[in-house]
Amino acid sequence: MNRMMGRMIKALMNVKTSRQLASSIAQGLAVLFLCVASSAMATANAAATPEAEVRGTVEQAFQQLRSGNYNALYDLLPGATQKRLARERFTAALGRTRDMYELDRIELEAVRVAGDLAVVDSTIYGRARGPLAGDGKIVARQYLVREGGRWRVTTGDRASVAPLLAANPGFAKKYPPRQPRVYLRRDGRWVDMSNLLNAAKRRALK
């Protein structure tokens, strides 16, 4: 780019007429624009690392969940999950939980990528409604798989995660699944409500 700039300046110094000057300036600006555009594209491509792509996919999924755009969120599910779970059933199930919480933000820790697999440890902040109303957060481990050149989010679905990890034991050993932990803020501190909520869920299933 410095060499092209030097040529542009040299050409401007050698022009003799105003028409030549205008033409040279136009050509110089065109060269400069192309140089800047090429530099910007190179920077963007360098930034599009697998880790950045994974991070972007998780954040996109969170925003779709937060806004209630469950139909678009369904498109981010792995193919195996989509075959097992119809779009209408997925969107309806999430729609029934819409009044139970209000999502605020997501914090992502280190993103780890191994081939077509990725794992992200995240914390989702929001506000619970109903009997347990108050500020809450969920600490969870999220798995992703690349299909068709695009990252897909498992959304904590054990039926999808289990075969994925079984087929990749090395990855599973290094990044084993973790049970999501649910916390509510009580008297200025975070209280782990996971065991209580799991017990209530088991009673509801009996």
N, C-alpha and C. Protein backbone atom coordinates (compact mmCIF):
# COMPACT_ATOMS: atom_id res chain seq x y z
N MET A 1 0.83 -1.20 0.00
CA MET A 1 0.00 0.00 0.00
C MET A 1 0.87 1.26 0.00
N ASN A 2 1.97 1.29 0.74
CA ASN A 2 2.87 2.43 0.77
C ASN A 2 3.48 2.69 -0.61
N ARG A 3 3.80 1.58 -1.33
CA ARG A 3 4.36 1.72 -2.67
C ARG A 3 3.36 2.37 -3.61
N MET A 4 2.08 1.97 -3.51
CA MET A 4 1.04 2.55 -4.37
C MET A 4 0.85 4.02 -4.05
N MET A 5 0.89 4.37 -2.78
CA MET A 5 0.76 5.76 -2.39
C MET A 5 1.90 6.59 -2.97
N GLY A 6 3.12 6.03 -2.96
CA GLY A 6 4.26 6.73 -3.51
C GLY A 6 4.10 6.98 -4.99
N ARG A 7 3.58 5.97 -5.71
CA ARG A 7 3.36 6.13 -7.15
C ARG A 7 2.30 7.21 -7.41
N MET A 8 1.26 7.23 -6.57
CA MET A 8 0.21 8.22 -6.76
C MET A 8 0.76 9.63 -6.59
N ILE A 9 1.56 9.85 -5.55
CA ILE A 9 2.14 11.17 -5.29
C ILE A 9 3.08 11.57 -6.42
N LYS A 10 3.88 10.61 -6.91
CA LYS A 10 4.82 10.90 -8.00
C LYS A 10 4.06 11.29 -9.26
N ALA A 11 2.96 10.61 -9.52
CA ALA A 11 2.17 10.92 -10.72
C ALA A 11 1.56 12.31 -10.62
N LEU A 12 1.12 12.68 -9.43
CA LEU A 12 0.53 14.02 -9.25
C LEU A 12 1.57 15.11 -9.47
N MET A 13 2.80 14.86 -9.11
CA MET A 13 3.86 15.85 -9.27
C MET A 13 4.24 16.04 -10.73
N ASN A 14 3.98 15.06 -11.59
CA ASN A 14 4.42 15.12 -12.98
C ASN A 14 3.35 15.66 -13.93
N VAL A 15 2.10 15.89 -13.45
CA VAL A 15 1.06 16.34 -14.35
C VAL A 15 1.30 17.80 -14.74
N LYS A 16 0.81 18.23 -15.98
CA LYS A 16 1.07 19.57 -16.51
C LYS A 16 -0.19 20.39 -16.68
N THR A 17 -1.35 19.75 -16.79
CA THR A 17 -2.59 20.50 -17.02
C THR A 17 -3.59 20.18 -15.94
N SER A 18 -4.60 21.07 -15.82
CA SER A 18 -5.63 20.85 -14.80
C SER A 18 -6.42 19.57 -15.11
N ARG A 19 -6.63 19.31 -16.43
CA ARG A 19 -7.35 18.09 -16.79
C ARG A 19 -6.55 16.87 -16.37
N GLN A 20 -5.21 16.93 -16.64
CA GLN A 20 -4.36 15.81 -16.23
C GLN A 20 -4.36 15.68 -14.71
N LEU A 21 -4.37 16.82 -14.01
CA LEU A 21 -4.36 16.80 -12.56
C LEU A 21 -5.63 16.15 -12.02
N ALA A 22 -6.79 16.55 -12.58
CA ALA A 22 -8.05 15.98 -12.12
C ALA A 22 -8.10 14.48 -12.37
N SER A 23 -7.61 14.09 -13.58
CA SER A 23 -7.61 12.67 -13.92
C SER A 23 -6.70 11.89 -12.98
N SER A 24 -5.52 12.47 -12.69
CA SER A 24 -4.57 11.78 -11.82
C SER A 24 -5.11 11.65 -10.40
N ILE A 25 -5.79 12.73 -9.93
CA ILE A 25 -6.37 12.68 -8.59
C ILE A 25 -7.43 11.60 -8.52
N ALA A 26 -8.28 11.54 -9.55
CA ALA A 26 -9.33 10.53 -9.58
C ALA A 26 -8.74 9.13 -9.56
N GLN A 27 -7.71 8.92 -10.39
CA GLN A 27 -7.06 7.61 -10.41
C GLN A 27 -6.42 7.30 -9.06
N GLY A 28 -5.79 8.32 -8.48
CA GLY A 28 -5.15 8.11 -7.19
C GLY A 28 -6.14 7.75 -6.10
N LEU A 29 -7.28 8.45 -6.09
CA LEU A 29 -8.30 8.14 -5.10
C LEU A 29 -8.86 6.74 -5.29
N ALA A 30 -9.00 6.33 -6.55
CA ALA A 30 -9.49 4.98 -6.83
C ALA A 30 -8.53 3.93 -6.29
N VAL A 31 -7.22 4.17 -6.53
CA VAL A 31 -6.21 3.24 -6.02
C VAL A 31 -6.25 3.20 -4.50
N LEU A 32 -6.36 4.39 -3.90
CA LEU A 32 -6.39 4.46 -2.44
C LEU A 32 -7.60 3.73 -1.88
N PHE A 33 -8.76 3.92 -2.53
CA PHE A 33 -9.98 3.25 -2.08
C PHE A 33 -9.83 1.73 -2.15
N LEU A 34 -9.25 1.25 -3.25
CA LEU A 34 -9.06 -0.19 -3.40
C LEU A 34 -8.11 -0.73 -2.35
N CYS A 35 -7.07 0.05 -2.03
CA CYS A 35 -6.11 -0.39 -1.01
C CYS A 35 -6.78 -0.49 0.36
N VAL A 36 -7.58 0.55 0.70
CA VAL A 36 -8.25 0.55 1.99
C VAL A 36 -9.26 -0.59 2.06
N ALA A 37 -10.02 -0.79 0.98
CA ALA A 37 -11.02 -1.85 0.96
C ALA A 37 -10.37 -3.22 1.10
N SER A 38 -9.25 -3.43 0.39
CA SER A 38 -8.55 -4.70 0.47
C SER A 38 -8.03 -4.95 1.88
N SER A 39 -7.50 -3.89 2.49
CA SER A 39 -7.00 -4.01 3.85
C SER A 39 -8.11 -4.35 4.83
N ALA A 40 -9.29 -3.71 4.66
CA ALA A 40 -10.42 -3.97 5.55
C ALA A 40 -10.91 -5.40 5.38
N MET A 41 -10.97 -5.89 4.14
CA MET A 41 -11.43 -7.26 3.89
C MET A 41 -10.46 -8.26 4.49
N ALA A 42 -9.17 -7.98 4.39
CA ALA A 42 -8.18 -8.89 4.96
C ALA A 42 -8.31 -8.94 6.47
N THR A 43 -8.55 -7.77 7.07
CA THR A 43 -8.73 -7.72 8.53
C THR A 43 -9.96 -8.49 8.95
N ALA A 44 -11.06 -8.33 8.20
CA ALA A 44 -12.30 -9.04 8.53
C ALA A 44 -12.12 -10.54 8.40
N ASN A 45 -11.46 -10.98 7.35
CA ASN A 45 -11.24 -12.42 7.16
C ASN A 45 -10.37 -12.99 8.26
N ALA A 46 -9.37 -12.22 8.69
CA ALA A 46 -8.49 -12.70 9.75
C ALA A 46 -9.24 -12.83 11.06
N ALA A 47 -10.23 -11.93 11.26
CA ALA A 47 -10.99 -11.95 12.52
C ALA A 47 -11.99 -13.08 12.56
N ALA A 48 -12.39 -13.60 11.40
CA ALA A 48 -13.41 -14.65 11.34
C ALA A 48 -12.79 -16.01 11.66
N THR A 49 -12.26 -16.16 12.85
CA THR A 49 -11.69 -17.42 13.30
C THR A 49 -12.83 -18.35 13.70
N PRO A 50 -12.56 -19.66 13.79
CA PRO A 50 -13.60 -20.59 14.26
C PRO A 50 -14.16 -20.19 15.62
N GLU A 51 -13.29 -19.74 16.52
CA GLU A 51 -13.76 -19.32 17.84
C GLU A 51 -14.72 -18.14 17.73
N ALA A 52 -14.39 -17.16 16.85
CA ALA A 52 -15.26 -16.01 16.67
C ALA A 52 -16.60 -16.42 16.06
N GLU A 53 -16.57 -17.38 15.14
CA GLU A 53 -17.80 -17.86 14.53
C GLU A 53 -18.69 -18.55 15.56
N VAL A 54 -18.07 -19.36 16.41
CA VAL A 54 -18.83 -20.05 17.46
C VAL A 54 -19.44 -19.03 18.41
N ARG A 55 -18.65 -18.07 18.84
CA ARG A 55 -19.14 -17.04 19.75
C ARG A 55 -20.32 -16.29 19.12
N GLY A 56 -20.19 -15.96 17.85
CA GLY A 56 -21.26 -15.25 17.16
C GLY A 56 -22.53 -16.07 17.06
N THR A 57 -22.38 -17.38 16.84
CA THR A 57 -23.56 -18.26 16.74
C THR A 57 -24.29 -18.35 18.08
N VAL A 58 -23.54 -18.51 19.16
CA VAL A 58 -24.16 -18.60 20.49
C VAL A 58 -24.87 -17.29 20.83
N GLU A 59 -24.23 -16.16 20.54
CA GLU A 59 -24.86 -14.87 20.83
C GLU A 59 -26.10 -14.67 19.97
N GLN A 60 -26.04 -15.14 18.72
CA GLN A 60 -27.21 -15.04 17.84
C GLN A 60 -28.37 -15.87 18.39
N ALA A 61 -28.06 -17.09 18.83
CA ALA A 61 -29.09 -17.96 19.40
C ALA A 61 -29.71 -17.33 20.64
N PHE A 62 -28.88 -16.71 21.47
CA PHE A 62 -29.40 -16.06 22.68
C PHE A 62 -30.34 -14.91 22.33
N GLN A 63 -29.95 -14.09 21.36
CA GLN A 63 -30.79 -12.97 20.98
C GLN A 63 -32.13 -13.45 20.41
N GLN A 64 -32.11 -14.55 19.67
CA GLN A 64 -33.36 -15.09 19.14
C GLN A 64 -34.24 -15.62 20.25
N LEU A 65 -33.62 -16.28 21.23
CA LEU A 65 -34.38 -16.76 22.39
C LEU A 65 -34.93 -15.59 23.19
N ARG A 66 -34.12 -14.57 23.37
CA ARG A 66 -34.52 -13.39 24.16
C ARG A 66 -35.69 -12.66 23.51
N SER A 67 -35.68 -12.57 22.19
CA SER A 67 -36.73 -11.84 21.48
C SER A 67 -37.95 -12.70 21.17
N GLY A 68 -37.87 -14.00 21.47
CA GLY A 68 -38.99 -14.88 21.18
C GLY A 68 -39.05 -15.32 19.73
N ASN A 69 -37.95 -15.18 19.01
CA ASN A 69 -37.91 -15.59 17.60
C ASN A 69 -37.54 -17.07 17.53
N TYR A 70 -38.43 -17.93 18.01
CA TYR A 70 -38.14 -19.35 18.13
C TYR A 70 -38.05 -20.04 16.78
N ASN A 71 -38.73 -19.51 15.79
CA ASN A 71 -38.68 -20.11 14.46
C ASN A 71 -37.27 -20.02 13.88
N ALA A 72 -36.62 -18.84 14.04
CA ALA A 72 -35.25 -18.67 13.58
C ALA A 72 -34.29 -19.49 14.43
N LEU A 73 -34.57 -19.60 15.72
CA LEU A 73 -33.73 -20.41 16.61
C LEU A 73 -33.75 -21.86 16.19
N TYR A 74 -34.88 -22.33 15.73
CA TYR A 74 -35.00 -23.73 15.27
C TYR A 74 -34.02 -24.02 14.14
N ASP A 75 -33.79 -23.03 13.29
CA ASP A 75 -32.88 -23.22 12.15
C ASP A 75 -31.43 -23.39 12.59
N LEU A 76 -31.12 -23.04 13.83
CA LEU A 76 -29.76 -23.21 14.35
C LEU A 76 -29.55 -24.55 15.04
N LEU A 77 -30.61 -25.38 15.12
CA LEU A 77 -30.48 -26.69 15.76
C LEU A 77 -29.78 -27.67 14.83
N PRO A 78 -29.07 -28.66 15.38
CA PRO A 78 -28.45 -29.70 14.54
C PRO A 78 -29.51 -30.48 13.78
N GLY A 79 -29.10 -31.07 12.67
CA GLY A 79 -30.03 -31.83 11.85
C GLY A 79 -30.68 -32.97 12.62
N ALA A 80 -29.93 -33.64 13.49
CA ALA A 80 -30.47 -34.76 14.26
C ALA A 80 -31.60 -34.29 15.17
N THR A 81 -31.45 -33.11 15.75
CA THR A 81 -32.49 -32.58 16.63
C THR A 81 -33.72 -32.20 15.82
N GLN A 82 -33.53 -31.61 14.66
CA GLN A 82 -34.66 -31.22 13.83
C GLN A 82 -35.45 -32.44 13.35
N LYS A 83 -34.76 -33.55 13.09
CA LYS A 83 -35.47 -34.77 12.67
C LYS A 83 -36.31 -35.34 13.81
N ARG A 84 -35.82 -35.18 15.01
CA ARG A 84 -36.51 -35.75 16.18
C ARG A 84 -37.58 -34.81 16.72
N LEU A 85 -37.41 -33.52 16.51
CA LEU A 85 -38.30 -32.53 17.11
C LEU A 85 -38.85 -31.61 16.02
N ALA A 86 -40.16 -31.67 15.79
CA ALA A 86 -40.78 -30.85 14.76
C ALA A 86 -40.70 -29.37 15.13
N ARG A 87 -40.64 -28.54 14.11
CA ARG A 87 -40.54 -27.10 14.33
C ARG A 87 -41.71 -26.58 15.18
N GLU A 88 -42.94 -27.03 14.87
CA GLU A 88 -44.11 -26.55 15.59
C GLU A 88 -44.05 -26.93 17.07
N ARG A 89 -43.59 -28.14 17.35
CA ARG A 89 -43.49 -28.58 18.74
C ARG A 89 -42.43 -27.77 19.50
N PHE A 90 -41.32 -27.50 18.84
CA PHE A 90 -40.23 -26.74 19.44
C PHE A 90 -40.68 -25.31 19.77
N THR A 91 -41.26 -24.63 18.80
CA THR A 91 -41.67 -23.25 19.02
C THR A 91 -42.80 -23.15 20.04
N ALA A 92 -43.71 -24.13 20.02
CA ALA A 92 -44.83 -24.11 20.98
C ALA A 92 -44.33 -24.32 22.40
N ALA A 93 -43.37 -25.24 22.58
CA ALA A 93 -42.84 -25.51 23.91
C ALA A 93 -42.15 -24.29 24.50
N LEU A 94 -41.36 -23.61 23.68
CA LEU A 94 -40.68 -22.41 24.17
C LEU A 94 -41.68 -21.28 24.40
N GLY A 95 -42.70 -21.21 23.56
CA GLY A 95 -43.70 -20.18 23.73
C GLY A 95 -44.44 -20.29 25.06
N ARG A 96 -44.63 -21.53 25.54
CA ARG A 96 -45.33 -21.73 26.80
C ARG A 96 -44.51 -21.28 28.01
N THR A 97 -43.18 -21.16 27.82
CA THR A 97 -42.31 -20.74 28.93
C THR A 97 -42.01 -19.24 28.88
N ARG A 98 -42.53 -18.55 27.91
CA ARG A 98 -42.19 -17.14 27.69
C ARG A 98 -42.51 -16.28 28.90
N ASP A 99 -43.62 -16.59 29.59
CA ASP A 99 -44.03 -15.76 30.72
C ASP A 99 -43.32 -16.13 32.02
N MET A 100 -42.43 -17.12 31.97
CA MET A 100 -41.77 -17.56 33.19
C MET A 100 -40.49 -16.79 33.48
N TYR A 101 -39.96 -16.10 32.49
CA TYR A 101 -38.68 -15.43 32.67
C TYR A 101 -38.54 -14.27 31.69
N GLU A 102 -37.58 -13.42 31.96
CA GLU A 102 -37.20 -12.33 31.07
C GLU A 102 -35.68 -12.31 30.97
N LEU A 103 -35.14 -12.59 29.80
CA LEU A 103 -33.70 -12.68 29.62
C LEU A 103 -33.08 -11.29 29.51
N ASP A 104 -31.87 -11.17 30.04
CA ASP A 104 -31.17 -9.89 30.03
C ASP A 104 -29.93 -9.94 29.15
N ARG A 105 -28.96 -10.76 29.53
CA ARG A 105 -27.71 -10.79 28.77
C ARG A 105 -27.04 -12.16 28.95
N ILE A 106 -26.01 -12.39 28.12
CA ILE A 106 -25.23 -13.63 28.20
C ILE A 106 -23.75 -13.27 28.29
N GLU A 107 -23.03 -13.99 29.12
CA GLU A 107 -21.58 -13.85 29.22
C GLU A 107 -20.94 -15.16 28.80
N LEU A 108 -20.01 -15.09 27.86
CA LEU A 108 -19.34 -16.28 27.34
C LEU A 108 -17.92 -16.35 27.87
N GLU A 109 -17.55 -17.51 28.38
CA GLU A 109 -16.18 -17.72 28.81
C GLU A 109 -15.37 -18.24 27.62
N ALA A 110 -14.29 -18.93 27.86
CA ALA A 110 -13.43 -19.38 26.77
C ALA A 110 -14.19 -20.29 25.81
N VAL A 111 -13.98 -20.05 24.52
CA VAL A 111 -14.58 -20.87 23.46
C VAL A 111 -13.52 -21.86 22.99
N ARG A 112 -13.88 -23.15 22.98
CA ARG A 112 -12.92 -24.18 22.58
C ARG A 112 -13.45 -24.91 21.36
N VAL A 113 -12.60 -25.00 20.32
CA VAL A 113 -13.00 -25.62 19.05
C VAL A 113 -12.05 -26.76 18.74
N ALA A 114 -12.61 -27.89 18.35
CA ALA A 114 -11.82 -29.05 17.93
C ALA A 114 -12.48 -29.63 16.67
N GLY A 115 -11.96 -29.24 15.51
CA GLY A 115 -12.55 -29.71 14.27
C GLY A 115 -13.95 -29.16 14.07
N ASP A 116 -14.92 -30.08 13.95
CA ASP A 116 -16.31 -29.68 13.75
C ASP A 116 -17.10 -29.66 15.05
N LEU A 117 -16.40 -29.67 16.17
CA LEU A 117 -17.06 -29.61 17.48
C LEU A 117 -16.58 -28.39 18.24
N ALA A 118 -17.44 -27.86 19.08
CA ALA A 118 -17.07 -26.71 19.91
C ALA A 118 -17.84 -26.77 21.22
N VAL A 119 -17.28 -26.15 22.24
CA VAL A 119 -17.94 -26.08 23.54
C VAL A 119 -17.74 -24.68 24.10
N VAL A 120 -18.78 -24.17 24.74
CA VAL A 120 -18.75 -22.83 25.32
C VAL A 120 -19.37 -22.90 26.71
N ASP A 121 -18.67 -22.38 27.70
CA ASP A 121 -19.23 -22.23 29.04
C ASP A 121 -19.82 -20.83 29.13
N SER A 122 -21.09 -20.74 29.50
CA SER A 122 -21.76 -19.46 29.47
C SER A 122 -22.59 -19.24 30.73
N THR A 123 -22.88 -17.98 30.98
CA THR A 123 -23.77 -17.59 32.07
C THR A 123 -24.84 -16.67 31.50
N ILE A 124 -26.09 -17.06 31.66
CA ILE A 124 -27.22 -16.27 31.16
C ILE A 124 -27.89 -15.58 32.35
N TYR A 125 -28.05 -14.28 32.23
CA TYR A 125 -28.69 -13.49 33.28
C TYR A 125 -30.10 -13.09 32.84
N GLY A 126 -31.00 -13.03 33.81
CA GLY A 126 -32.36 -12.63 33.52
C GLY A 126 -33.14 -12.43 34.79
N ARG A 127 -34.45 -12.46 34.65
CA ARG A 127 -35.32 -12.28 35.80
C ARG A 127 -36.43 -13.32 35.75
N ALA A 128 -36.56 -14.07 36.83
CA ALA A 128 -37.61 -15.08 36.94
C ALA A 128 -38.92 -14.42 37.34
N ARG A 129 -40.03 -14.99 36.87
CA ARG A 129 -41.34 -14.50 37.23
C ARG A 129 -42.09 -15.58 38.01
N GLY A 130 -43.26 -15.24 38.50
CA GLY A 130 -44.06 -16.23 39.21
C GLY A 130 -43.64 -16.37 40.66
N PRO A 131 -43.79 -17.58 41.23
CA PRO A 131 -43.50 -17.79 42.66
C PRO A 131 -42.06 -17.50 43.05
N LEU A 132 -41.14 -17.70 42.11
CA LEU A 132 -39.71 -17.49 42.41
C LEU A 132 -39.20 -16.19 41.78
N ALA A 133 -40.04 -15.20 41.73
CA ALA A 133 -39.68 -13.95 41.06
C ALA A 133 -38.42 -13.34 41.65
N GLY A 134 -37.56 -12.85 40.78
CA GLY A 134 -36.31 -12.22 41.20
C GLY A 134 -35.24 -12.38 40.16
N ASP A 135 -34.11 -11.73 40.39
CA ASP A 135 -32.98 -11.84 39.47
C ASP A 135 -32.43 -13.26 39.51
N GLY A 136 -32.09 -13.77 38.33
CA GLY A 136 -31.58 -15.13 38.25
C GLY A 136 -30.47 -15.26 37.23
N LYS A 137 -29.78 -16.38 37.28
CA LYS A 137 -28.77 -16.68 36.28
C LYS A 137 -28.66 -18.20 36.12
N ILE A 138 -28.26 -18.61 34.92
CA ILE A 138 -28.06 -20.02 34.61
C ILE A 138 -26.63 -20.19 34.12
N VAL A 139 -25.89 -21.07 34.77
CA VAL A 139 -24.51 -21.39 34.36
C VAL A 139 -24.56 -22.73 33.65
N ALA A 140 -24.15 -22.74 32.38
CA ALA A 140 -24.31 -23.95 31.57
C ALA A 140 -23.15 -24.13 30.61
N ARG A 141 -22.96 -25.37 30.22
CA ARG A 141 -21.98 -25.72 29.17
C ARG A 141 -22.74 -26.02 27.89
N GLN A 142 -22.35 -25.34 26.82
CA GLN A 142 -23.07 -25.43 25.55
C GLN A 142 -22.18 -26.08 24.49
N TYR A 143 -22.73 -27.09 23.80
CA TYR A 143 -22.00 -27.75 22.72
C TYR A 143 -22.55 -27.29 21.37
N LEU A 144 -21.64 -27.24 20.40
CA LEU A 144 -22.02 -26.91 19.04
C LEU A 144 -21.36 -27.90 18.08
N VAL A 145 -21.98 -28.08 16.93
CA VAL A 145 -21.42 -28.95 15.89
C VAL A 145 -21.54 -28.21 14.55
N ARG A 146 -20.52 -28.36 13.73
CA ARG A 146 -20.54 -27.71 12.42
C ARG A 146 -21.15 -28.66 11.39
N GLU A 147 -22.21 -28.20 10.75
CA GLU A 147 -22.88 -28.97 9.70
C GLU A 147 -23.07 -28.10 8.48
N GLY A 148 -22.64 -28.59 7.33
CA GLY A 148 -22.80 -27.81 6.11
C GLY A 148 -22.10 -26.47 6.14
N GLY A 149 -20.96 -26.41 6.84
CA GLY A 149 -20.20 -25.17 6.93
C GLY A 149 -20.79 -24.16 7.89
N ARG A 150 -21.75 -24.58 8.72
CA ARG A 150 -22.41 -23.66 9.65
C ARG A 150 -22.49 -24.29 11.04
N TRP A 151 -22.24 -23.48 12.06
CA TRP A 151 -22.31 -23.98 13.42
C TRP A 151 -23.76 -24.11 13.87
N ARG A 152 -24.05 -25.25 14.53
CA ARG A 152 -25.38 -25.53 15.05
C ARG A 152 -25.31 -25.65 16.57
N VAL A 153 -26.33 -25.15 17.26
CA VAL A 153 -26.35 -25.12 18.71
C VAL A 153 -27.23 -26.24 19.24
N THR A 154 -26.73 -27.00 20.22
CA THR A 154 -27.50 -28.12 20.76
C THR A 154 -28.55 -27.67 21.76
N THR A 155 -28.47 -26.44 22.27
CA THR A 155 -29.42 -25.87 23.23
C THR A 155 -29.59 -26.75 24.47
N GLY A 156 -28.55 -27.47 24.88
CA GLY A 156 -28.61 -28.26 26.10
C GLY A 156 -29.46 -29.51 25.98
N ASP A 157 -29.80 -29.92 24.76
CA ASP A 157 -30.63 -31.09 24.52
C ASP A 157 -29.80 -32.36 24.72
N ARG A 158 -30.04 -33.09 25.82
CA ARG A 158 -29.22 -34.27 26.11
C ARG A 158 -29.37 -35.36 25.06
N ALA A 159 -30.54 -35.44 24.44
CA ALA A 159 -30.76 -36.45 23.41
C ALA A 159 -29.87 -36.20 22.19
N SER A 160 -29.47 -34.95 21.99
CA SER A 160 -28.57 -34.62 20.89
C SER A 160 -27.11 -34.64 21.34
N VAL A 161 -26.87 -34.21 22.58
CA VAL A 161 -25.50 -34.12 23.08
C VAL A 161 -24.90 -35.51 23.31
N ALA A 162 -25.68 -36.43 23.87
CA ALA A 162 -25.16 -37.76 24.23
C ALA A 162 -24.55 -38.49 23.05
N PRO A 163 -25.24 -38.66 21.92
CA PRO A 163 -24.62 -39.35 20.78
C PRO A 163 -23.45 -38.57 20.18
N LEU A 164 -23.53 -37.25 20.27
CA LEU A 164 -22.44 -36.41 19.75
C LEU A 164 -21.15 -36.67 20.52
N LEU A 165 -21.24 -36.73 21.84
CA LEU A 165 -20.07 -36.98 22.67
C LEU A 165 -19.63 -38.44 22.60
N ALA A 166 -20.60 -39.35 22.46
CA ALA A 166 -20.26 -40.77 22.35
C ALA A 166 -19.45 -41.05 21.10
N ALA A 167 -19.72 -40.30 20.04
CA ALA A 167 -18.98 -40.47 18.78
C ALA A 167 -17.63 -39.78 18.80
N ASN A 168 -17.40 -38.96 19.82
CA ASN A 168 -16.13 -38.23 19.95
C ASN A 168 -15.63 -38.33 21.39
N PRO A 169 -15.18 -39.52 21.81
CA PRO A 169 -14.81 -39.76 23.21
C PRO A 169 -13.65 -38.88 23.69
N GLY A 170 -12.71 -38.57 22.81
CA GLY A 170 -11.60 -37.72 23.21
C GLY A 170 -12.08 -36.33 23.58
N PHE A 171 -12.97 -35.79 22.78
CA PHE A 171 -13.54 -34.47 23.05
C PHE A 171 -14.38 -34.51 24.32
N ALA A 172 -15.17 -35.60 24.48
CA ALA A 172 -16.03 -35.73 25.65
C ALA A 172 -15.21 -35.84 26.94
N LYS A 173 -14.08 -36.53 26.86
CA LYS A 173 -13.23 -36.67 28.05
C LYS A 173 -12.62 -35.33 28.45
N LYS A 174 -12.26 -34.55 27.44
CA LYS A 174 -11.63 -33.26 27.71
C LYS A 174 -12.65 -32.22 28.17
N TYR A 175 -13.86 -32.29 27.59
CA TYR A 175 -14.91 -31.32 27.92
C TYR A 175 -16.20 -32.07 28.27
N PRO A 176 -16.25 -32.72 29.43
CA PRO A 176 -17.43 -33.51 29.81
C PRO A 176 -18.64 -32.62 30.05
N PRO A 177 -19.83 -33.18 29.87
CA PRO A 177 -21.04 -32.39 30.10
C PRO A 177 -21.19 -31.99 31.56
N ARG A 178 -21.82 -30.87 31.77
CA ARG A 178 -22.08 -30.38 33.12
C ARG A 178 -23.57 -30.10 33.28
N GLN A 179 -24.09 -30.43 34.44
CA GLN A 179 -25.48 -30.14 34.72
C GLN A 179 -25.65 -28.62 34.88
N PRO A 180 -26.59 -28.00 34.17
CA PRO A 180 -26.80 -26.56 34.33
C PRO A 180 -27.15 -26.23 35.78
N ARG A 181 -26.64 -25.10 36.24
CA ARG A 181 -26.92 -24.64 37.60
C ARG A 181 -27.78 -23.37 37.52
N VAL A 182 -28.84 -23.35 38.29
CA VAL A 182 -29.76 -22.22 38.30
C VAL A 182 -29.63 -21.48 39.63
N TYR A 183 -29.45 -20.18 39.57
CA TYR A 183 -29.26 -19.36 40.77
C TYR A 183 -30.30 -18.24 40.80
N LEU A 184 -30.75 -17.91 42.00
CA LEU A 184 -31.59 -16.75 42.22
C LEU A 184 -30.92 -15.85 43.25
N ARG A 185 -31.08 -14.55 43.07
CA ARG A 185 -30.48 -13.61 44.02
C ARG A 185 -31.42 -13.42 45.20
N ARG A 186 -30.90 -13.73 46.37
CA ARG A 186 -31.66 -13.58 47.59
C ARG A 186 -30.80 -12.86 48.63
N ASP A 187 -31.31 -11.74 49.16
CA ASP A 187 -30.60 -10.96 50.17
C ASP A 187 -29.19 -10.59 49.72
N GLY A 188 -29.08 -10.23 48.44
CA GLY A 188 -27.80 -9.75 47.92
C GLY A 188 -26.80 -10.82 47.54
N ARG A 189 -27.17 -12.10 47.58
CA ARG A 189 -26.24 -13.16 47.19
C ARG A 189 -26.94 -14.17 46.30
N TRP A 190 -26.13 -14.88 45.51
CA TRP A 190 -26.66 -15.89 44.60
C TRP A 190 -26.88 -17.20 45.34
N VAL A 191 -28.12 -17.71 45.26
CA VAL A 191 -28.48 -18.96 45.92
C VAL A 191 -28.75 -20.02 44.86
N ASP A 192 -28.06 -21.17 44.97
CA ASP A 192 -28.20 -22.25 44.01
C ASP A 192 -29.55 -22.95 44.23
N MET A 193 -30.44 -22.84 43.23
CA MET A 193 -31.77 -23.42 43.32
C MET A 193 -31.89 -24.68 42.47
N SER A 194 -30.79 -25.18 41.94
CA SER A 194 -30.82 -26.30 41.00
C SER A 194 -31.47 -27.53 41.59
N ASN A 195 -31.06 -27.94 42.79
CA ASN A 195 -31.60 -29.15 43.40
C ASN A 195 -33.10 -29.01 43.66
N LEU A 196 -33.51 -27.85 44.13
CA LEU A 196 -34.92 -27.62 44.41
C LEU A 196 -35.76 -27.70 43.13
N LEU A 197 -35.28 -27.07 42.07
CA LEU A 197 -36.01 -27.07 40.81
C LEU A 197 -36.04 -28.46 40.18
N ASN A 198 -34.94 -29.21 40.29
CA ASN A 198 -34.91 -30.56 39.74
C ASN A 198 -35.86 -31.48 40.49
N ALA A 199 -35.95 -31.31 41.82
CA ALA A 199 -36.88 -32.12 42.61
C ALA A 199 -38.32 -31.81 42.22
N ALA A 200 -38.61 -30.53 42.02
CA ALA A 200 -39.96 -30.14 41.60
C ALA A 200 -40.29 -30.70 40.23
N LYS A 201 -39.30 -30.74 39.36
CA LYS A 201 -39.52 -31.28 38.02
C LYS A 201 -39.80 -32.78 38.08
N ARG A 202 -39.06 -33.49 38.95
CA ARG A 202 -39.27 -34.94 39.08
C ARG A 202 -40.67 -35.23 39.63
N ARG A 203 -41.12 -34.43 40.58
CA ARG A 203 -42.45 -34.63 41.14
C ARG A 203 -43.53 -34.37 40.09
N ALA A 204 -43.28 -33.39 39.23
CA ALA A 204 -44.26 -33.07 38.18
C ALA A 204 -44.37 -34.19 37.16
N LEU A 205 -43.27 -34.94 36.95
CA LEU A 205 -43.27 -36.01 35.96
C LEU A 205 -43.88 -37.30 36.48
N LYS A 206 -44.09 -37.43 37.79
CA LYS A 206 -44.64 -38.66 38.36
C LYS A 206 -46.15 -38.74 38.11
